[in-house]
PDB file of N, CA and C in Angstrom:
ATOM      1  N   MET A   1       0.882  -1.297   0.256  1.00  0.00           N
ATOM      2  CA  MET A   1      -0.038   0.005  -0.149  1.00  0.00           C
ATOM      3  C   MET A   1       0.907   1.257   0.092  1.00  0.00           C
ATOM      4  N   LYS A   2       1.929   1.336   1.048  1.00  0.00           N
ATOM      5  CA  LYS A   2       2.843   2.591   0.820  1.00  0.00           C
ATOM      6  C   LYS A   2       3.626   2.293  -0.129  1.00  0.00           C
ATOM      7  N   GLN A   3       4.394   3.427  -0.770  1.00  0.00           N
ATOM      8  CA  GLN A   3       5.363   3.090  -2.019  1.00  0.00           C
ATOM      9  C   GLN A   3       6.375   4.284  -1.636  1.00  0.00           C
ATOM     10  N   LEU A   4       7.563   3.718  -2.080  1.00  0.00           N
ATOM     11  CA  LEU A   4       8.621   4.621  -2.075  1.00  0.00           C
ATOM     12  C   LEU A   4       9.464   4.582  -3.474  1.00  0.00           C
ATOM     13  N   TYR A   5       9.482   5.678  -4.074  1.00  0.00           N
ATOM     14  CA  TYR A   5       9.990   5.843  -5.274  1.00  0.00           C
ATOM     15  C   TYR A   5      10.988   7.040  -5.548  1.00  0.00           C
ATOM     16  N   THR A   6      11.964   7.029  -6.316  1.00  0.00           N
ATOM     17  CA  THR A   6      12.762   8.249  -6.812  1.00  0.00           C
ATOM     18  C   THR A   6      12.092   8.666  -8.160  1.00  0.00           C
ATOM     19  N   THR A   7      12.281  10.101  -8.062  1.00  0.00           N
ATOM     20  CA  THR A   7      11.759  10.599  -9.355  1.00  0.00           C
ATOM     21  C   THR A   7      12.423  12.029  -9.626  1.00  0.00           C
ATOM     22  N   THR A   8      12.769  12.429 -10.920  1.00  0.00           N
ATOM     23  CA  THR A   8      13.415  13.768 -10.859  1.00  0.00           C
ATOM     24  C   THR A   8      12.134  14.768 -11.835  1.00  0.00           C
ATOM     25  N   VAL A   9      12.194  15.719 -11.168  1.00  0.00           N
ATOM     26  CA  VAL A   9      11.193  16.872 -11.891  1.00  0.00           C
ATOM     27  C   VAL A   9      12.317  18.054 -12.281  1.00  0.00           C
ATOM     28  N   GLN A  10      11.614  18.731 -13.264  1.00  0.00           N
ATOM     29  CA  GLN A  10      12.507  19.986 -13.856  1.00  0.00           C
ATOM     30  C   GLN A  10      11.459  21.173 -13.485  1.00  0.00           C
ATOM     31  N   VAL A  11      11.930  22.167 -12.874  1.00  0.00           N
ATOM     32  CA  VAL A  11      11.232  23.125 -12.252  1.00  0.00           C
ATOM     33  C   VAL A  11      11.940  24.714 -12.802  1.00  0.00           C
ATOM     34  N   GLN A  12      11.525  25.540 -13.125  1.00  0.00           N
ATOM     35  CA  GLN A  12      11.648  26.853 -13.649  1.00  0.00           C
ATOM     36  C   GLN A  12      11.055  27.931 -12.485  1.00  0.00           C
ATOM     37  N   GLY A  13      12.114  29.053 -12.326  1.00  0.00           N
ATOM     38  CA  GLY A  13      11.958  30.473 -11.409  1.00  0.00           C
ATOM     39  C   GLY A  13      12.322  31.491 -12.029  1.00  0.00           C
ATOM     40  N   LYS A  14      11.540  32.493 -11.516  1.00  0.00           N
ATOM     41  CA  LYS A  14      12.039  33.603 -12.002  1.00  0.00           C
ATOM     42  C   LYS A  14      11.552  34.714 -11.071  1.00  0.00           C
ATOM     43  N   GLY A  15      12.746  35.747 -10.670  1.00  0.00           N
ATOM     44  CA  GLY A  15      12.560  36.679  -9.729  1.00  0.00           C
ATOM     45  C   GLY A  15      13.855  38.074  -9.930  1.00  0.00           C
ATOM     46  N   ASN A  16      13.185  38.764  -9.240  1.00  0.00           N
ATOM     47  CA  ASN A  16      14.237  40.210  -8.914  1.00  0.00           C
ATOM     48  C   ASN A  16      15.443  39.788  -8.363  1.00  0.00           C
ATOM     49  N   THR A  17      15.458  38.908  -7.777  1.00  0.00           N
ATOM     50  CA  THR A  17      17.061  38.167  -6.988  1.00  0.00           C
ATOM     51  C   THR A  17      17.398  36.922  -7.057  1.00  0.00           C
ATOM     52  N   LYS A  18      18.289  36.685  -6.536  1.00  0.00           N
ATOM     53  CA  LYS A  18      18.788  35.077  -7.053  1.00  0.00           C
ATOM     54  C   LYS A  18      18.136  34.295  -6.079  1.00  0.00           C
ATOM     55  N   ALA A  19      17.982  34.771  -4.657  1.00  0.00           N
ATOM     56  CA  ALA A  19      17.339  34.173  -4.243  1.00  0.00           C
ATOM     57  C   ALA A  19      15.758  33.694  -4.014  1.00  0.00           C
ATOM     58  N   ALA A  20      15.081  35.054  -4.904  1.00  0.00           N
ATOM     59  CA  ALA A  20      13.666  34.864  -4.931  1.00  0.00           C
ATOM     60  C   ALA A  20      13.689  33.933  -6.512  1.00  0.00           C
ATOM     61  N   ALA A  21      14.176  33.943  -7.397  1.00  0.00           N
ATOM     62  CA  ALA A  21      14.206  33.066  -8.453  1.00  0.00           C
ATOM     63  C   ALA A  21      14.537  31.649  -8.140  1.00  0.00           C
ATOM     64  N   PHE A  22      15.330  30.966  -6.924  1.00  0.00           N
ATOM     65  CA  PHE A  22      15.713  29.783  -6.394  1.00  0.00           C
ATOM     66  C   PHE A  22      14.268  29.611  -5.638  1.00  0.00           C
ATOM     67  N   SER A  23      13.900  30.222  -5.093  1.00  0.00           N
ATOM     68  CA  SER A  23      12.561  29.896  -4.305  1.00  0.00           C
ATOM     69  C   SER A  23      11.227  29.759  -5.074  1.00  0.00           C
ATOM     70  N   ALA A  24      11.261  30.430  -6.171  1.00  0.00           N
ATOM     71  CA  ALA A  24      10.070  30.252  -7.110  1.00  0.00           C
ATOM     72  C   ALA A  24      10.093  28.767  -7.683  1.00  0.00           C
ATOM     73  N   ALA A  25      11.260  28.295  -8.061  1.00  0.00           N
ATOM     74  CA  ALA A  25      11.712  27.370  -8.623  1.00  0.00           C
ATOM     75  C   ALA A  25      11.299  26.249  -7.482  1.00  0.00           C
ATOM     76  N   LEU A  26      12.168  26.054  -6.155  1.00  0.00           N
ATOM     77  CA  LEU A  26      11.544  25.063  -5.206  1.00  0.00           C
ATOM     78  C   LEU A  26      10.384  25.256  -4.961  1.00  0.00           C
ATOM     79  N   ASN A  27       9.331  26.381  -5.048  1.00  0.00           N
ATOM     80  CA  ASN A  27       8.084  26.079  -4.510  1.00  0.00           C
ATOM     81  C   ASN A  27       7.144  25.597  -5.512  1.00  0.00           C
ATOM     82  N   GLN A  28       7.525  25.069  -6.551  1.00  0.00           N
ATOM     83  CA  GLN A  28       7.050  24.215  -7.751  1.00  0.00           C
ATOM     84  C   GLN A  28       7.202  22.995  -7.652  1.00  0.00           C
ATOM     85  N   VAL A  29       8.058  22.431  -6.979  1.00  0.00           N
ATOM     86  CA  VAL A  29       8.386  20.954  -6.773  1.00  0.00           C
ATOM     87  C   VAL A  29       7.151  20.210  -6.590  1.00  0.00           C
ATOM     88  N   GLN A  30       6.549  20.452  -5.356  1.00  0.00           N
ATOM     89  CA  GLN A  30       5.666  19.774  -5.020  1.00  0.00           C
ATOM     90  C   GLN A  30       4.337  19.508  -6.041  1.00  0.00           C
ATOM     91  N   GLN A  31       3.786  20.806  -6.984  1.00  0.00           N
ATOM     92  CA  GLN A  31       2.809  20.376  -7.508  1.00  0.00           C
ATOM     93  C   GLN A  31       3.289  19.837  -8.882  1.00  0.00           C
ATOM     94  N   ALA A  32       4.881  19.937  -9.469  1.00  0.00           N
ATOM     95  CA  ALA A  32       5.139  18.776 -10.456  1.00  0.00           C
ATOM     96  C   ALA A  32       5.203  17.725  -9.947  1.00  0.00           C
ATOM     97  N   VAL A  33       5.597  17.222  -8.875  1.00  0.00           N
ATOM     98  CA  VAL A  33       5.376  15.829  -8.216  1.00  0.00           C
ATOM     99  C   VAL A  33       4.078  15.135  -8.273  1.00  0.00           C
ATOM    100  N   MET A  34       2.887  16.224  -7.739  1.00  0.00           N
ATOM    101  CA  MET A  34       1.861  16.099  -8.033  1.00  0.00           C
ATOM    102  C   MET A  34       0.951  15.799  -9.248  1.00  0.00           C
ATOM    103  N   ASN A  35       1.475  16.463 -10.288  1.00  0.00           N
ATOM    104  CA  ASN A  35       0.798  16.177 -11.708  1.00  0.00           C
ATOM    105  C   ASN A  35       1.761  15.057 -12.331  1.00  0.00           C
ATOM    106  N   SER A  36       2.534  14.321 -11.726  1.00  0.00           N
ATOM    107  CA  SER A  36       3.208  13.215 -12.412  1.00  0.00           C
ATOM    108  C   SER A  36       2.769  12.013 -12.039  1.00  0.00           C
ATOM    109  N   THR A  37       1.854  11.742 -10.800  1.00  0.00           N
ATOM    110  CA  THR A  37       1.302  10.546 -10.312  1.00  0.00           C
ATOM    111  C   THR A  37      -0.340  10.868  -9.730  1.00  0.00           C
ATOM    112  N   GLU A  38      -0.687   9.782  -9.649  1.00  0.00           N
ATOM    113  CA  GLU A  38      -2.067   9.626  -9.358  1.00  0.00           C
ATOM    114  C   GLU A  38      -2.383   9.349  -7.812  1.00  0.00           C
ATOM    115  N   THR A  39      -1.356   8.913  -7.188  1.00  0.00           N
ATOM    116  CA  THR A  39      -1.238   8.683  -5.781  1.00  0.00           C
ATOM    117  C   THR A  39      -1.130   9.373  -4.840  1.00  0.00           C
ATOM    118  N   ILE A  40      -1.542   9.417  -3.323  1.00  0.00           N
ATOM    119  CA  ILE A  40      -1.820  10.408  -2.714  1.00  0.00           C
ATOM    120  C   ILE A  40      -0.255  10.614  -1.864  1.00  0.00           C
ATOM    121  N   LEU A  41       0.243  11.610  -1.912  1.00  0.00           N
ATOM    122  CA  LEU A  41       1.611  11.561  -1.461  1.00  0.00           C
ATOM    123  C   LEU A  41       1.798  12.119   0.000  1.00  0.00           C
ATOM    124  N   LEU A  42       2.615  11.284   0.615  1.00  0.00           N
ATOM    125  CA  LEU A  42       2.822  11.525   2.063  1.00  0.00           C
ATOM    126  C   LEU A  42       4.163  12.446   2.054  1.00  0.00           C
ATOM    127  N   ARG A  43       5.071  12.293   1.385  1.00  0.00           N
ATOM    128  CA  ARG A  43       6.214  12.773   2.019  1.00  0.00           C
ATOM    129  C   ARG A  43       7.015  13.058   0.413  1.00  0.00           C
ATOM    130  N   ILE A  44       7.810  14.236   0.493  1.00  0.00           N
ATOM    131  CA  ILE A  44       8.532  14.741  -0.632  1.00  0.00           C
ATOM    132  C   ILE A  44       9.849  14.853   0.014  1.00  0.00           C
ATOM    133  N   GLU A  45      10.961  14.215  -0.388  1.00  0.00           N
ATOM    134  CA  GLU A  45      12.154  14.532   0.460  1.00  0.00           C
ATOM    135  C   GLU A  45      13.214  14.937  -1.004  1.00  0.00           C
ATOM    136  N   PRO A  46      13.633  16.174  -1.105  1.00  0.00           N
ATOM    137  CA  PRO A  46      14.661  16.745  -1.868  1.00  0.00           C
ATOM    138  C   PRO A  46      16.196  15.773  -1.812  1.00  0.00           C
ATOM    139  N   GLN A  47      16.979  14.859  -2.980  1.00  0.00           N
ATOM    140  CA  GLN A  47      17.899  14.532  -2.719  1.00  0.00           C
ATOM    141  C   GLN A  47      19.083  14.986  -3.305  1.00  0.00           C
ATOM    142  N   ASP A  48      18.935  15.531  -4.568  1.00  0.00           N
ATOM    143  CA  ASP A  48      19.696  16.018  -5.277  1.00  0.00           C
ATOM    144  C   ASP A  48      19.275  17.385  -6.082  1.00  0.00           C
ATOM    145  N   LEU A  49      20.145  18.316  -6.319  1.00  0.00           N
ATOM    146  CA  LEU A  49      19.677  19.373  -7.175  1.00  0.00           C
ATOM    147  C   LEU A  49      20.899  19.597  -8.200  1.00  0.00           C
ATOM    148  N   ARG A  50      20.397  19.962  -9.053  1.00  0.00           N
ATOM    149  CA  ARG A  50      21.161  20.259 -10.366  1.00  0.00           C
ATOM    150  C   ARG A  50      20.729  21.207 -11.319  1.00  0.00           C
ATOM    151  N   VAL A  51      21.581  22.588 -11.294  1.00  0.00           N
ATOM    152  CA  VAL A  51      21.120  23.678 -12.063  1.00  0.00           C
ATOM    153  C   VAL A  51      21.392  23.523 -13.528  1.00  0.00           C
ATOM    154  N   ILE A  52      20.424  23.272 -14.486  1.00  0.00           N
ATOM    155  CA  ILE A  52      20.132  23.229 -15.893  1.00  0.00           C
ATOM    156  C   ILE A  52      20.687  24.609 -16.596  1.00  0.00           C
ATOM    157  N   SER A  53      19.918  25.823 -16.165  1.00  0.00           N
ATOM    158  CA  SER A  53      20.523  27.123 -16.673  1.00  0.00           C
ATOM    159  C   SER A  53      20.144  27.863 -15.547  1.00  0.00           C
ATOM    160  N   ALA A  54      21.155  29.274 -15.911  1.00  0.00           N
ATOM    161  CA  ALA A  54      20.628  30.188 -14.793  1.00  0.00           C
ATOM    162  C   ALA A  54      21.436  31.369 -15.402  1.00  0.00           C
ATOM    163  N   GLU A  55      20.004  32.758 -15.574  1.00  0.00           N
ATOM    164  CA  GLU A  55      20.346  33.461 -16.499  1.00  0.00           C
ATOM    165  C   GLU A  55      20.251  34.881 -15.794  1.00  0.00           C
ATOM    166  N   GLU A  56      21.043  35.904 -15.956  1.00  0.00           N
ATOM    167  CA  GLU A  56      20.622  37.212 -15.247  1.00  0.00           C
ATOM    168  C   GLU A  56      20.054  38.297 -16.713  1.00  0.00           C
ATOM    169  N   LYS A  57      19.389  38.684 -16.608  1.00  0.00           N
ATOM    170  CA  LYS A  57      19.213  39.730 -17.618  1.00  0.00           C
ATOM    171  C   LYS A  57      19.247  41.477 -16.942  1.00  0.00           C
ATOM    172  N   ILE A  58      19.926  42.061 -17.562  1.00  0.00           N
ATOM    173  CA  ILE A  58      19.867  43.694 -16.850  1.00  0.00           C
ATOM    174  C   ILE A  58      19.384  44.512 -17.723  1.00  0.00           C
ATOM    175  N   THR A  59      18.568  45.207 -17.535  1.00  0.00           N
ATOM    176  CA  THR A  59      18.108  46.260 -18.238  1.00  0.00           C
ATOM    177  C   THR A  59      18.281  47.577 -17.666  1.00  0.00           C
ATOM    178  N   GLN A  60      18.447  48.939 -18.337  1.00  0.00           N
ATOM    179  CA  GLN A  60      18.595  49.754 -18.001  1.00  0.00           C
ATOM    180  C   GLN A  60      17.551  50.967 -18.301  1.00  0.00           C
ATOM    181  N   GLU A  61      16.877  51.544 -17.103  1.00  0.00           N
ATOM    182  CA  GLU A  61      15.656  52.221 -17.093  1.00  0.00           C
ATOM    183  C   GLU A  61      16.126  53.772 -17.182  1.00  0.00           C
ATOM    184  N   LYS A  62      15.571  54.941 -17.763  1.00  0.00           N
ATOM    185  CA  LYS A  62      15.945  56.285 -17.749  1.00  0.00           C
ATOM    186  C   LYS A  62      14.646  56.860 -17.590  1.00  0.00           C
ATOM    187  N   PHE A  63      14.633  58.165 -16.390  1.00  0.00           N
ATOM    188  CA  PHE A  63      13.415  58.572 -16.399  1.00  0.00           C
ATOM    189  C   PHE A  63      13.337  59.824 -17.193  1.00  0.00           C
ATOM    190  N   LEU A  64      12.472  59.828 -18.385  1.00  0.00           N
ATOM    191  CA  LEU A  64      12.468  60.742 -19.791  1.00  0.00           C
ATOM    192  C   LEU A  64      13.308  60.600 -20.508  1.00  0.00           C
ATOM    193  N   PHE A  65      13.827  59.384 -20.496  1.00  0.00           N
ATOM    194  CA  PHE A  65      14.751  58.777 -21.738  1.00  0.00           C
ATOM    195  C   PHE A  65      16.097  59.347 -21.190  1.00  0.00           C
ATOM    196  N   PHE A  66      16.353  60.309 -19.937  1.00  0.00           N
ATOM    197  CA  PHE A  66      17.750  61.026 -20.216  1.00  0.00           C
ATOM    198  C   PHE A  66      18.275  60.644 -18.639  1.00  0.00           C
ATOM    199  N   PHE A  67      17.086  61.026 -18.048  1.00  0.00           N
ATOM    200  CA  PHE A  67      17.513  61.485 -16.626  1.00  0.00           C
ATOM    201  C   PHE A  67      17.601  60.198 -15.587  1.00  0.00           C
ATOM    202  N   LEU A  68      18.464  60.168 -14.443  1.00  0.00           N
ATOM    203  CA  LEU A  68      18.252  59.075 -13.570  1.00  0.00           C
ATOM    204  C   LEU A  68      18.334  57.618 -14.132  1.00  0.00           C
ATOM    205  N   PRO A  69      19.556  57.117 -14.744  1.00  0.00           N
ATOM    206  CA  PRO A  69      19.564  56.004 -15.067  1.00  0.00           C
ATOM    207  C   PRO A  69      19.449  55.337 -13.939  1.00  0.00           C
ATOM    208  N   ARG A  70      18.882  53.758 -14.256  1.00  0.00           N
ATOM    209  CA  ARG A  70      19.439  52.790 -13.305  1.00  0.00           C
ATOM    210  C   ARG A  70      19.286  51.023 -13.769  1.00  0.00           C
ATOM    211  N   GLU A  71      19.934  50.335 -13.315  1.00  0.00           N
ATOM    212  CA  GLU A  71      20.047  49.430 -13.839  1.00  0.00           C
ATOM    213  C   GLU A  71      18.685  48.405 -13.163  1.00  0.00           C
ATOM    214  N   LYS A  72      18.011  47.482 -13.790  1.00  0.00           N
ATOM    215  CA  LYS A  72      17.311  46.451 -13.072  1.00  0.00           C
ATOM    216  C   LYS A  72      17.901  45.318 -13.197  1.00  0.00           C
ATOM    217  N   ARG A  73      17.991  44.147 -12.412  1.00  0.00           N
ATOM    218  CA  ARG A  73      18.221  42.627 -12.704  1.00  0.00           C
ATOM    219  C   ARG A  73      17.272  42.138 -12.635  1.00  0.00           C
ATOM    220  N   HIS A  74      16.953  41.099 -13.600  1.00  0.00           N
ATOM    221  CA  HIS A  74      16.064  39.821 -13.482  1.00  0.00           C
ATOM    222  C   HIS A  74      16.719  38.447 -13.634  1.00  0.00           C
ATOM    223  N   TYR A  75      16.429  37.817 -12.878  1.00  0.00           N
ATOM    224  CA  TYR A  75      17.247  36.223 -12.513  1.00  0.00           C
ATOM    225  C   TYR A  75      16.145  35.212 -13.151  1.00  0.00           C
ATOM    226  N   ALA A  76      16.572  34.128 -13.877  1.00  0.00           N
ATOM    227  CA  ALA A  76      15.733  33.118 -14.344  1.00  0.00           C
ATOM    228  C   ALA A  76      16.476  31.944 -14.059  1.00  0.00           C
ATOM    229  N   VAL A  77      15.852  30.577 -13.456  1.00  0.00           N
ATOM    230  CA  VAL A  77      16.764  29.631 -13.127  1.00  0.00           C
ATOM    231  C   VAL A  77      15.904  28.283 -13.732  1.00  0.00           C
ATOM    232  N   THR A  78      16.472  27.384 -14.175  1.00  0.00           N
ATOM    233  CA  THR A  78      15.947  25.979 -14.251  1.00  0.00           C
ATOM    234  C   THR A  78      16.591  24.951 -13.888  1.00  0.00           C
ATOM    235  N   LEU A  79      15.904  24.235 -12.921  1.00  0.00           N
ATOM    236  CA  LEU A  79      16.597  23.122 -11.929  1.00  0.00           C
ATOM    237  C   LEU A  79      16.087  21.673 -12.335  1.00  0.00           C
ATOM    238  N   ASP A  80      16.873  20.885 -12.109  1.00  0.00           N
ATOM    239  CA  ASP A  80      16.533  19.308 -12.170  1.00  0.00           C
ATOM    240  C   ASP A  80      16.244  19.061 -10.567  1.00  0.00           C
ATOM    241  N   ILE A  81      15.531  18.407 -10.167  1.00  0.00           N
ATOM    242  CA  ILE A  81      15.414  18.206  -8.553  1.00  0.00           C
ATOM    243  C   ILE A  81      15.385  16.586  -8.711  1.00  0.00           C
ATOM    244  N   THR A  82      16.007  15.890  -7.986  1.00  0.00           N
ATOM    245  CA  THR A  82      15.686  14.595  -7.623  1.00  0.00           C
ATOM    246  C   THR A  82      15.045  14.287  -6.330  1.00  0.00           C
ATOM    247  N   VAL A  83      13.921  13.703  -6.109  1.00  0.00           N
ATOM    248  CA  VAL A  83      13.461  13.748  -5.087  1.00  0.00           C
ATOM    249  C   VAL A  83      12.837  12.200  -4.636  1.00  0.00           C
ATOM    250  N   ASN A  84      13.161  11.851  -3.456  1.00  0.00           N
ATOM    251  CA  ASN A  84      12.305  10.657  -2.797  1.00  0.00           C
ATOM    252  C   ASN A  84      11.034  10.662  -2.484  1.00  0.00           C
ATOM    253  N   VAL A  85       9.913   9.956  -2.997  1.00  0.00           N
ATOM    254  CA  VAL A  85       8.530  10.373  -2.963  1.00  0.00           C
ATOM    255  C   VAL A  85       8.103   8.969  -1.670  1.00  0.00           C
ATOM    256  N   THR A  86       7.416   9.447  -1.199  1.00  0.00           N
ATOM    257  CA  THR A  86       6.431   8.406  -0.169  1.00  0.00           C
ATOM    258  C   THR A  86       5.160   8.632  -0.593  1.00  0.00           C
ATOM    259  N   ALA A  87       4.443   7.638  -1.212  1.00  0.00           N
ATOM    260  CA  ALA A  87       3.132   7.849  -1.567  1.00  0.00           C
ATOM    261  C   ALA A  87       2.239   6.551  -1.049  1.00  0.00           C
ATOM    262  N   ILE A  88       0.751   6.528  -1.039  1.00  0.00           N
ATOM    263  CA  ILE A  88       0.174   5.407  -0.848  1.00  0.00           C
ATOM    264  C   ILE A  88      -0.722   5.287  -1.996  1.00  0.00           C
ATOM    265  N   ASN A  89      -0.705   4.151  -2.421  1.00  0.00           N
ATOM    266  CA  ASN A  89      -1.170   3.816  -3.937  1.00  0.00           C
ATOM    267  C   ASN A  89      -2.726   3.459  -3.482  1.00  0.00           C
ATOM    268  N   THR A  90      -3.659   4.120  -3.901  1.00  0.00           N
ATOM    269  CA  THR A  90      -5.143   3.585  -3.542  1.00  0.00           C
ATOM    270  C   THR A  90      -5.646   2.543  -4.119  1.00  0.00           C
ATOM    271  N   GLY A  91      -4.982   2.403  -5.408  1.00  0.00           N
ATOM    272  CA  GLY A  91      -5.324   1.302  -6.278  1.00  0.00           C
ATOM    273  C   GLY A  91      -5.396  -0.125  -5.698  1.00  0.00           C
ATOM    274  N   LEU A  92      -4.243  -0.195  -4.551  1.00  0.00           N
ATOM    275  CA  LEU A  92      -4.050  -1.454  -3.660  1.00  0.00           C
ATOM    276  C   LEU A  92      -5.083  -1.402  -2.525  1.00  0.00           C
ATOM    277  N   VAL A  93      -5.892  -0.611  -2.237  1.00  0.00           N
ATOM    278  CA  VAL A  93      -6.616  -0.693  -0.827  1.00  0.00           C
ATOM    279  C   VAL A  93      -8.424  -1.076  -1.595  1.00  0.00           C
ATOM    280  N   THR A  94      -8.511  -1.909  -0.776  1.00  0.00           N
ATOM    281  CA  THR A  94     -10.002  -2.766  -0.650  1.00  0.00           C
ATOM    282  C   THR A  94     -10.758  -1.992   0.039  1.00  0.00           C
ATOM    283  N   PHE A  95     -12.104  -1.556  -0.269  1.00  0.00           N
ATOM    284  CA  PHE A  95     -12.893  -0.705  -0.424  1.00  0.00           C
ATOM    285  C   PHE A  95     -14.409  -1.659   0.270  1.00  0.00           C
ATOM    286  N   ALA A  96     -15.043  -1.661   1.301  1.00  0.00           N
ATOM    287  CA  ALA A  96     -15.804  -2.307   1.528  1.00  0.00           C
ATOM    288  C   ALA A  96     -17.169  -1.844   1.069  1.00  0.00           C
ATOM    289  N   THR A  97     -18.370  -2.616   0.340  1.00  0.00           N
ATOM    290  CA  THR A  97     -19.445  -1.805  -0.227  1.00  0.00           C
ATOM    291  C   THR A  97     -20.586  -2.314   1.369  1.00  0.00           C
ATOM    292  N   LEU A  98     -21.250  -0.966   1.439  1.00  0.00           N
ATOM    293  CA  LEU A  98     -22.143  -1.035   2.324  1.00  0.00           C
ATOM    294  C   LEU A  98     -23.830  -0.937   2.218  1.00  0.00           C
TER     295      LEU A  98
END
């Protein structure tokens, strides 16, 4: 009834800081695992993390096209995360008919 398996999911995140980009990507792990299986999830344990791509985009803004120039930075990451999943397989449970 209880299953243990290992899977790898790929997630992406974007943000104004490096930490925000990683946080946005890591917040998607649970949803990615849930979309890949029909079982009830008990526990998701990250085992390994691999950075597929990490990009920094710098844009320059100016007030009225000339004044007060400033740089804005945007970060994007794509991660492969290997997770151990503990789940309940509801297909193996026998339900009694009343």
